[in-house]
Protein backbone atom coordinates (compact mmCIF):
# COMPACT_ATOMS: atom_id res chain seq x y z
CA UNK A 1 0.81 -8.00 32.11
CA UNK A 2 -1.17 -8.30 35.40
CA UNK A 3 0.60 -9.86 38.60
CA UNK A 4 -1.54 -12.92 38.27
CA UNK A 5 -0.61 -13.72 34.88
CA UNK A 6 0.14 -17.29 33.92
CA UNK A 7 2.67 -18.30 31.09
CA UNK A 8 2.54 -21.90 30.28
CA UNK A 9 4.39 -23.77 27.47
CA UNK A 10 2.60 -27.14 26.71
CA UNK A 11 4.08 -29.83 24.35
CA UNK A 12 1.61 -32.37 23.89
CA UNK A 13 2.27 -35.65 22.33
CA UNK A 14 -0.72 -37.39 21.07
CA UNK A 15 -0.28 -41.28 20.08
CA UNK A 16 -1.95 -42.90 17.04
CA UNK A 17 -1.83 -46.11 16.00
CA UNK A 18 0.47 -45.39 13.20
CA UNK A 19 2.94 -43.42 15.58
CA UNK A 20 2.98 -40.33 17.52
CA UNK A 21 1.65 -36.87 16.49
CA UNK A 22 3.13 -33.75 17.90
CA UNK A 23 1.72 -30.29 18.63
CA UNK A 24 4.84 -28.02 18.49
CA UNK A 25 4.96 -26.37 21.91
CA UNK A 26 1.61 -24.25 22.11
CA UNK A 27 2.36 -21.46 24.19
CA UNK A 28 -0.25 -20.23 26.39
CA UNK A 29 0.13 -16.92 27.33
CA UNK A 30 -3.04 -15.62 29.06
CA UNK A 31 -4.18 -12.90 31.27
CA UNK A 32 -5.33 -15.03 34.04
CA UNK A 33 -5.51 -18.88 34.81
CA UNK A 34 -9.27 -19.53 33.61
CA UNK A 35 -7.99 -18.24 30.43
CA UNK A 36 -5.10 -21.31 30.33
CA UNK A 37 -7.89 -23.61 31.52
CA UNK A 38 -10.14 -22.68 28.49
CA UNK A 39 -7.13 -23.54 26.18
CA UNK A 40 -6.80 -27.16 27.84
CA UNK A 41 -10.41 -27.87 27.12
CA UNK A 42 -9.98 -26.74 23.72
CA UNK A 43 -7.14 -29.16 23.38
CA UNK A 44 -9.48 -31.94 24.85
CA UNK A 45 -12.29 -31.06 22.41
CA UNK A 46 -10.06 -31.05 19.43
CA UNK A 47 -7.91 -34.18 19.76
CA UNK A 48 -9.48 -37.31 21.13
CA UNK A 49 -7.68 -38.80 24.13
CA UNK A 50 -8.74 -42.34 23.34
CA UNK A 51 -6.78 -44.57 25.73
CA UNK A 52 -4.20 -42.24 26.56
CA UNK A 53 -4.35 -42.23 30.34
CA UNK A 54 -1.07 -40.51 31.11
CA UNK A 55 -1.64 -37.53 28.94
CA UNK A 56 -5.42 -36.95 30.48
CA UNK A 57 -3.86 -37.20 34.05
CA UNK A 58 -1.26 -34.29 33.17
CA UNK A 59 -4.12 -32.16 31.52
CA UNK A 60 -6.49 -32.79 34.46
CA UNK A 61 -3.94 -32.01 36.85
CA UNK A 62 -3.12 -28.74 35.17
CA UNK A 63 -7.12 -27.81 35.11
CA UNK A 64 -7.44 -28.55 38.81
CA UNK A 65 -4.46 -26.34 39.45
CA UNK A 66 -5.87 -23.43 37.53
CA UNK A 67 -9.31 -24.10 39.07
CA UNK A 68 -7.84 -23.19 42.43
CA UNK A 69 -8.17 -19.37 41.39
CA UNK A 70 -11.47 -18.12 39.95
CA UNK A 71 -14.58 -20.09 39.10
CA UNK A 72 -15.27 -22.39 36.54
CA UNK A 73 -15.18 -21.62 32.68
CA UNK A 74 -17.28 -22.77 30.05
CA UNK A 75 -15.11 -24.58 27.20
CA UNK A 76 -14.58 -22.37 24.18
CA UNK A 77 -13.24 -23.44 21.10
CA UNK A 78 -11.07 -20.56 19.27
CA UNK A 79 -12.41 -19.99 15.63
CA UNK A 80 -9.27 -18.74 13.66
CA UNK A 81 -10.27 -20.89 10.32
CA UNK A 82 -13.86 -19.64 9.56
CA UNK A 83 -12.84 -16.82 7.29
CA UNK A 84 -10.78 -16.50 4.58
CA UNK A 85 -8.16 -14.45 6.09
CA UNK A 86 -8.38 -10.77 6.78
CA UNK A 87 -6.08 -9.83 3.78
CA UNK A 88 -8.55 -11.59 1.06
CA UNK A 89 -11.20 -8.82 1.70
CA UNK A 90 -8.96 -5.75 1.24
CA UNK A 91 -7.60 -3.88 -1.49
CA UNK A 92 -4.20 -3.13 0.17
CA UNK A 93 -1.88 -5.28 2.16
CA UNK A 94 -2.77 -5.99 5.91
CA UNK A 95 -0.30 -7.49 8.30
CA UNK A 96 0.89 -7.51 11.91
CA UNK A 97 4.32 -6.95 13.59
CA UNK A 98 5.65 -10.40 14.29
CA UNK A 99 7.35 -11.81 17.60
CA UNK A 100 9.73 -14.18 16.15
CA UNK A 101 9.90 -16.55 19.13
CA UNK A 102 6.41 -17.02 19.02
CA UNK A 103 6.59 -17.82 15.26
CA UNK A 104 9.02 -20.55 16.00
CA UNK A 105 7.41 -21.93 18.89
CA UNK A 106 3.80 -21.37 18.84
CA UNK A 107 1.75 -23.63 16.07
CA UNK A 108 -1.51 -21.52 16.87
CA UNK A 109 0.12 -18.30 16.43
CA UNK A 110 1.97 -19.21 13.37
CA UNK A 111 -1.19 -20.80 11.70
CA UNK A 112 -2.92 -17.68 12.52
CA UNK A 113 -0.23 -15.38 11.01
CA UNK A 114 -0.17 -17.51 8.05
CA UNK A 115 -3.69 -17.29 7.34
CA UNK A 116 -4.57 -13.96 7.96
CA UNK A 117 -2.06 -11.49 6.59
CA UNK A 118 0.13 -10.83 3.55
CA UNK A 119 2.42 -8.26 5.32
CA UNK A 120 4.69 -8.96 8.37
CA UNK A 121 6.68 -6.37 10.05
CA UNK A 122 9.24 -7.11 12.45
CA UNK A 123 8.28 -6.31 15.95
CA UNK A 124 11.90 -6.46 17.27
CA UNK A 125 14.11 -8.47 15.29
CA UNK A 126 15.60 -5.70 12.81
CA UNK A 127 16.00 -3.13 15.49
CA UNK A 128 19.65 -2.00 16.02
CA UNK A 129 20.16 -3.87 19.43
CA UNK A 130 19.09 -6.95 17.74
CA UNK A 131 20.95 -6.83 14.34
CA UNK A 132 24.06 -5.22 15.51
CA UNK A 133 24.59 -5.91 19.11
CA UNK A 134 28.40 -5.19 18.98
CA UNK A 135 30.69 -2.89 16.99
CA UNK A 136 31.82 -5.58 14.65
CA UNK A 137 29.10 -8.09 15.01
CA UNK A 138 26.06 -8.39 13.32
CA UNK A 139 23.10 -10.83 14.07
CA UNK A 140 20.41 -11.71 11.36
CA UNK A 141 19.39 -15.03 12.78
CA UNK A 142 15.90 -13.79 13.96
CA UNK A 143 15.46 -11.47 11.15
CA UNK A 144 16.33 -14.05 8.56
CA UNK A 145 14.09 -16.54 9.96
CA UNK A 146 11.22 -14.01 9.39
CA UNK A 147 11.97 -13.28 6.09
CA UNK A 148 12.25 -16.73 5.15
CA UNK A 149 8.86 -17.51 6.66
CA UNK A 150 7.37 -14.59 4.70
CA UNK A 151 8.91 -16.04 1.45
CA UNK A 152 7.51 -19.46 1.88
CA UNK A 153 3.89 -18.11 2.84
CA UNK A 154 3.79 -15.24 0.32
CA UNK A 155 3.99 -12.23 2.39
CA UNK A 156 5.64 -8.84 1.93
CA UNK A 157 8.06 -7.77 4.75
CA UNK A 158 8.31 -4.09 6.20
CA UNK A 159 11.47 -3.61 7.88
CA UNK A 160 11.38 -1.64 11.35
CA UNK A 161 13.51 0.18 11.95
CA UNK A 162 16.94 1.51 10.87
CA UNK A 163 17.31 4.46 13.17
CA UNK A 164 15.63 4.86 16.48
CA UNK A 165 16.64 6.66 19.90
CA UNK A 166 15.81 3.74 21.98
CA UNK A 167 16.93 0.09 22.01
CA UNK A 168 20.72 0.95 21.26
CA UNK A 169 23.19 -1.43 22.37
CA UNK A 170 25.84 -0.24 24.91
CA UNK A 171 28.49 -0.06 22.60
CA UNK A 172 26.61 2.72 20.80
CA UNK A 173 25.79 4.75 23.88
CA UNK A 174 29.21 4.63 25.06
CA UNK A 175 30.76 5.16 21.38
CA UNK A 176 33.69 7.58 21.51
CA UNK A 177 34.50 9.52 18.51
CA UNK A 178 34.16 13.04 16.49
CA UNK A 179 31.28 13.73 14.38
CA UNK A 180 32.88 11.98 11.24
CA UNK A 181 33.26 8.88 13.52
CA UNK A 182 29.67 8.90 14.67
CA UNK A 183 28.61 9.70 10.85
CA UNK A 184 30.59 6.59 9.46
CA UNK A 185 29.38 4.17 12.25
CA UNK A 186 25.54 5.25 11.54
CA UNK A 187 25.90 4.92 7.74
CA UNK A 188 27.82 1.66 8.14
CA UNK A 189 25.00 0.26 10.24
CA UNK A 190 22.20 1.31 7.69
CA UNK A 191 23.87 0.29 4.74
CA UNK A 192 24.87 -3.09 6.20
CA UNK A 193 21.35 -3.91 7.15
CA UNK A 194 19.59 -2.78 4.18
CA UNK A 195 22.19 -4.49 1.87
CA UNK A 196 21.56 -7.80 3.66
CA UNK A 197 18.16 -7.44 3.12
CA UNK A 198 17.94 -6.09 -0.40
CA UNK A 199 15.22 -7.43 -2.67
CA UNK A 200 13.82 -9.25 0.34
CA UNK A 201 12.63 -6.44 2.39
CA UNK A 202 10.31 -4.21 0.28
CA UNK A 203 10.29 -1.18 2.76
CA UNK A 204 11.93 0.49 5.52
CA UNK A 205 10.97 2.54 8.54
CA UNK A 206 14.14 4.69 8.12
CA UNK A 207 13.88 7.08 10.99
CA UNK A 208 11.36 6.32 13.79
CA UNK A 209 10.07 8.91 16.17
CA UNK A 210 12.44 11.66 15.30
CA UNK A 211 10.21 14.20 16.73
CA UNK A 212 9.14 15.23 20.44
CA UNK A 213 5.51 15.21 21.29
CA UNK A 214 5.52 19.08 20.69
CA UNK A 215 7.00 18.29 17.10
CA UNK A 216 10.29 19.95 17.95
CA UNK A 217 13.31 17.59 16.66
CA UNK A 218 14.12 14.93 19.21
CA UNK A 219 17.37 15.61 21.36
CA UNK A 220 18.40 11.98 20.85
CA UNK A 221 22.06 10.65 20.78
CA UNK A 222 22.02 10.95 16.83
CA UNK A 223 20.85 14.70 17.22
CA UNK A 224 23.48 15.58 19.69
CA UNK A 225 26.30 14.00 17.53
CA UNK A 226 25.25 14.67 14.13
CA UNK A 227 23.04 17.77 14.28
CA UNK A 228 19.38 17.72 13.22
CA UNK A 229 19.97 17.13 9.52
CA UNK A 230 21.00 13.36 10.32
CA UNK A 231 17.52 12.43 9.48
CA UNK A 232 18.06 13.53 5.73
CA UNK A 233 21.13 11.75 5.48
CA UNK A 234 19.77 8.45 6.76
CA UNK A 235 17.48 8.20 3.80
CA UNK A 236 20.02 8.91 1.47
CA UNK A 237 22.27 6.18 2.86
CA UNK A 238 19.21 3.70 2.72
CA UNK A 239 18.60 4.55 -0.73
CA UNK A 240 21.95 4.01 -1.65
CA UNK A 241 22.15 0.52 -0.36
CA UNK A 242 18.77 -0.34 -2.16
CA UNK A 243 17.46 1.90 -4.55
CA UNK A 244 14.13 -0.16 -4.94
CA UNK A 245 13.28 -0.12 -1.27
CA UNK A 246 10.54 2.20 -0.34
CA UNK A 247 11.46 4.46 2.63
CA UNK A 248 9.01 5.70 5.47
CA UNK A 249 9.23 8.09 8.27
CA UNK A 250 7.35 6.59 11.06
CA UNK A 251 5.99 8.39 14.27
CA UNK A 252 3.10 8.46 16.53
CA UNK A 253 0.91 11.06 17.94
CA UNK A 254 -0.59 12.32 14.63
CA UNK A 255 -4.16 11.13 15.96
CA UNK A 256 -4.09 13.24 19.27
CA UNK A 257 -1.83 16.03 18.34
CA UNK A 258 -2.34 18.45 15.42
CA UNK A 259 1.02 20.15 16.25
CA UNK A 260 2.53 16.84 15.91
CA UNK A 261 0.81 16.04 12.97
CA UNK A 262 2.18 19.24 11.39
CA UNK A 263 5.43 18.88 12.29
CA UNK A 264 5.62 15.36 10.57
CA UNK A 265 3.97 16.79 7.58
CA UNK A 266 6.64 19.63 7.52
CA UNK A 267 9.40 17.05 7.76
CA UNK A 268 8.63 14.80 5.02
CA UNK A 269 7.60 17.55 2.81
CA UNK A 270 10.86 19.23 3.53
CA UNK A 271 12.62 16.23 2.66
CA UNK A 272 10.76 15.75 -0.39
CA UNK A 273 11.52 19.43 -1.50
CA UNK A 274 15.19 18.69 -1.32
CA UNK A 275 15.28 15.78 -3.38
CA UNK A 276 15.67 13.24 -0.57
CA UNK A 277 14.29 10.13 -1.26
CA UNK A 278 11.10 9.28 0.91
CA UNK A 279 8.21 7.48 -0.14
CA UNK A 280 5.93 7.25 2.75
CA UNK A 281 4.65 8.03 6.36
CA UNK A 282 4.13 5.59 8.98
CA UNK A 283 1.31 6.69 11.25
CA UNK A 284 1.64 4.30 14.25
CA UNK A 285 -1.82 4.79 15.68
CA UNK A 286 -1.40 3.48 19.05
CA UNK A 287 -5.01 4.96 19.85
CA UNK A 288 -7.49 4.27 22.54
CA UNK A 289 -11.29 4.65 23.26
CA UNK A 290 -11.13 8.23 24.56
CA UNK A 291 -9.65 9.26 21.06
CA UNK A 292 -12.27 10.33 18.73
CA UNK A 293 -13.12 8.84 15.26
CA UNK A 294 -13.00 12.50 13.86
CA UNK A 295 -9.22 12.83 15.22
CA UNK A 296 -8.37 9.44 14.04
CA UNK A 297 -9.87 10.39 10.69
CA UNK A 298 -7.79 13.60 10.55
CA UNK A 299 -4.51 11.96 10.95
CA UNK A 300 -5.26 9.66 8.10
CA UNK A 301 -6.39 11.97 5.56
CA UNK A 302 -4.70 15.28 6.39
CA UNK A 303 -1.53 13.44 6.41
CA UNK A 304 -2.33 11.77 3.01
CA UNK A 305 -3.51 14.95 1.28
CA UNK A 306 -0.82 17.05 2.87
CA UNK A 307 1.87 15.02 1.60
CA UNK A 308 0.73 13.13 -1.50
CA UNK A 309 3.26 10.25 -0.04
CA UNK A 310 1.92 6.35 0.79
CA UNK A 311 0.38 5.95 4.17
CA UNK A 312 1.17 3.18 6.42
CA UNK A 313 -1.00 2.72 9.45
CA UNK A 314 1.96 1.00 10.81
CA UNK A 315 1.42 0.02 14.47
CA UNK A 316 -2.35 -0.10 15.30
CA UNK A 317 -3.89 -1.08 18.49
CA UNK A 318 -6.93 0.32 20.12
CA UNK A 319 -6.87 0.24 23.64
CA UNK A 320 -10.14 0.08 25.69
CA UNK A 321 -8.77 0.96 29.32
CA UNK A 322 -6.92 4.00 28.82
CA UNK A 323 -7.70 5.20 32.22
CA UNK A 324 -6.03 2.05 33.83
CA UNK A 325 -8.97 0.90 35.85
CA UNK A 326 -7.75 -2.39 37.61
CA UNK A 327 -10.96 -3.95 37.70
CA UNK A 328 -12.62 -3.56 34.26
CA UNK A 329 -13.25 -6.50 32.21
CA UNK A 330 -13.98 -6.92 28.68
CA UNK A 331 -17.67 -7.25 28.31
CA UNK A 332 -19.84 -7.29 25.10
CA UNK A 333 -20.41 -3.56 25.34
CA UNK A 334 -16.39 -2.88 25.36
CA UNK A 335 -16.13 -5.12 22.74
CA UNK A 336 -18.84 -3.50 20.82
CA UNK A 337 -17.38 -0.08 20.95
CA UNK A 338 -14.07 -1.29 19.88
CA UNK A 339 -15.46 -2.74 16.86
CA UNK A 340 -16.96 0.57 16.01
CA UNK A 341 -13.65 2.23 16.33
CA UNK A 342 -11.77 -0.33 14.16
CA UNK A 343 -14.34 -0.27 11.61
CA UNK A 344 -14.36 3.85 11.36
CA UNK A 345 -10.56 3.76 11.09
CA UNK A 346 -10.49 1.27 8.16
CA UNK A 347 -13.39 2.71 6.29
CA UNK A 348 -11.44 6.04 6.42
CA UNK A 349 -8.18 4.43 5.23
CA UNK A 350 -10.13 2.63 2.57
CA UNK A 351 -11.09 6.04 1.02
CA UNK A 352 -7.70 7.11 0.16
CA UNK A 353 -6.54 7.01 -3.16
CA UNK A 354 -5.18 3.47 -3.92
CA UNK A 355 -1.71 4.63 -4.80
CA UNK A 356 -1.41 5.99 -1.17
CA UNK A 357 -2.74 3.08 0.69
CA UNK A 358 0.37 1.08 1.62
CA UNK A 359 -1.38 -0.96 3.95
CA UNK A 360 -2.75 -1.21 7.64
CA UNK A 361 -0.43 -3.35 10.30
CA UNK A 362 -1.70 -4.19 13.75
CA UNK A 363 1.27 -4.14 16.55
CA UNK A 364 1.31 -7.65 17.45
CA UNK A 365 -1.35 -10.29 16.75
CA UNK A 366 -3.54 -10.85 19.65
CA UNK A 367 -4.31 -9.69 23.21
CA UNK A 368 -2.13 -12.26 24.35
CA UNK A 369 1.10 -10.78 22.67
CA UNK A 370 0.25 -6.95 23.02
CA UNK A 371 2.73 -4.67 24.70
CA UNK A 372 -0.17 -2.57 26.31
CA UNK A 373 -1.03 -4.61 29.12
CA UNK A 374 2.58 -5.35 30.51
CA UNK A 375 3.72 -1.46 29.69
CA UNK A 376 0.48 0.19 31.26
CA UNK A 377 0.26 -2.62 33.89
CA UNK A 378 -3.49 -2.94 33.63
CA UNK A 379 -5.83 -5.26 32.06
CA UNK A 380 -6.46 -4.17 28.30
CA UNK A 381 -7.60 -6.06 25.12
CA UNK A 382 -6.41 -3.71 22.26
CA UNK A 383 -6.30 -6.13 19.07
CA UNK A 384 -8.78 -8.02 16.79
CA UNK A 385 -8.02 -11.46 18.34
CA UNK A 386 -8.37 -12.49 22.03
CA UNK A 387 -6.15 -14.22 24.37
CA UNK A 388 -6.57 -17.58 22.77
CA UNK A 389 -6.21 -16.18 19.18
CA UNK A 390 -10.03 -16.18 18.45
CA UNK A 391 -11.35 -13.36 16.39
CA UNK A 392 -13.13 -10.73 18.54
CA UNK A 393 -15.98 -8.28 17.07
CA UNK A 394 -13.32 -6.18 16.24
CA UNK A 395 -12.46 -8.89 13.46
CA UNK A 396 -15.58 -8.41 11.56
CA UNK A 397 -15.75 -4.90 11.97
CA UNK A 398 -12.35 -4.50 10.06
CA UNK A 399 -13.87 -6.74 7.38
CA UNK A 400 -16.88 -4.54 7.31
CA UNK A 401 -14.58 -1.40 6.86
CA UNK A 402 -12.73 -3.04 3.98
CA UNK A 403 -16.33 -3.14 2.23
């Protein structure tokens, strides 16, 4: 996120004659102060202030503080209720990765997720370091919160992820023992997590990013202690814990590296041929405006045709500033170009055989909570909803792609 980013948490209490009405801690997470000013104006427009002078003073004070930065901003009302929800236009599940903290504390975020998607993936809450922070301690608080939310709102839950080389707690990286001890530790972790969510999580990214960019086996901590075939055993352990769960291999690079794509296909086909339980391939698709539509299409169609497995576009975002231009802004031309790419991708995915369409999942919900700007330290707008959770042209383009 840029250095001038502003993060505010605003708790508004609006009084009515019958009592006090609370808006649950609306989180304004925007890329500049002007964006926060838009949200304040929105709240004024939506909720009549009547005689509540003290609250008006607070709002005006914040607006004045924000106005000391860049010029004035025309009020804009986010439109997250005009459509029926993205998933209603599709013949396959449509989802997003979910930040549980935002789900708990940001009413706008929660309402959008509830309306727009029928599938959710835990952004971080099910990763090793979150659920298994100490050798003899499992913490499912955040993951359980997400699953409960999904059950109440009728959404599918996809588990992400059981085994990755990143995000491991210190007790794992410092673990002492022979290969048998490492094997038991990994097996115990996989089966404890999968068993905990048995019947609630329908699918898992069992192994995430097990290959290098050139397609060779990644020399992770798991490979170093357990050998390359640890991948196959992970799927066996997960299947033993929940025979009904669909098991995926998840990785990036399919769309920009034919050699990486070929290695992924060879890996999963090799597992299939050995009778290892694997049901699908997660194509992350963290892509950008420099990647051609033809390469994106090949990633989806070649992987589907070559494996016969279910295909999950599992972490979709389309970055529009891959050249890291610090002065770049989100113009109508940039928005239109992004919309074209989203539509093309969705149309290709929609052309797959029905049995192979596991779904499309964006990584995060809006530009406000995307990882792209912070990780690359640049302005960017990779998702179909902007910083104020308004639909961008990409939103309608996705709907058009469904059709």
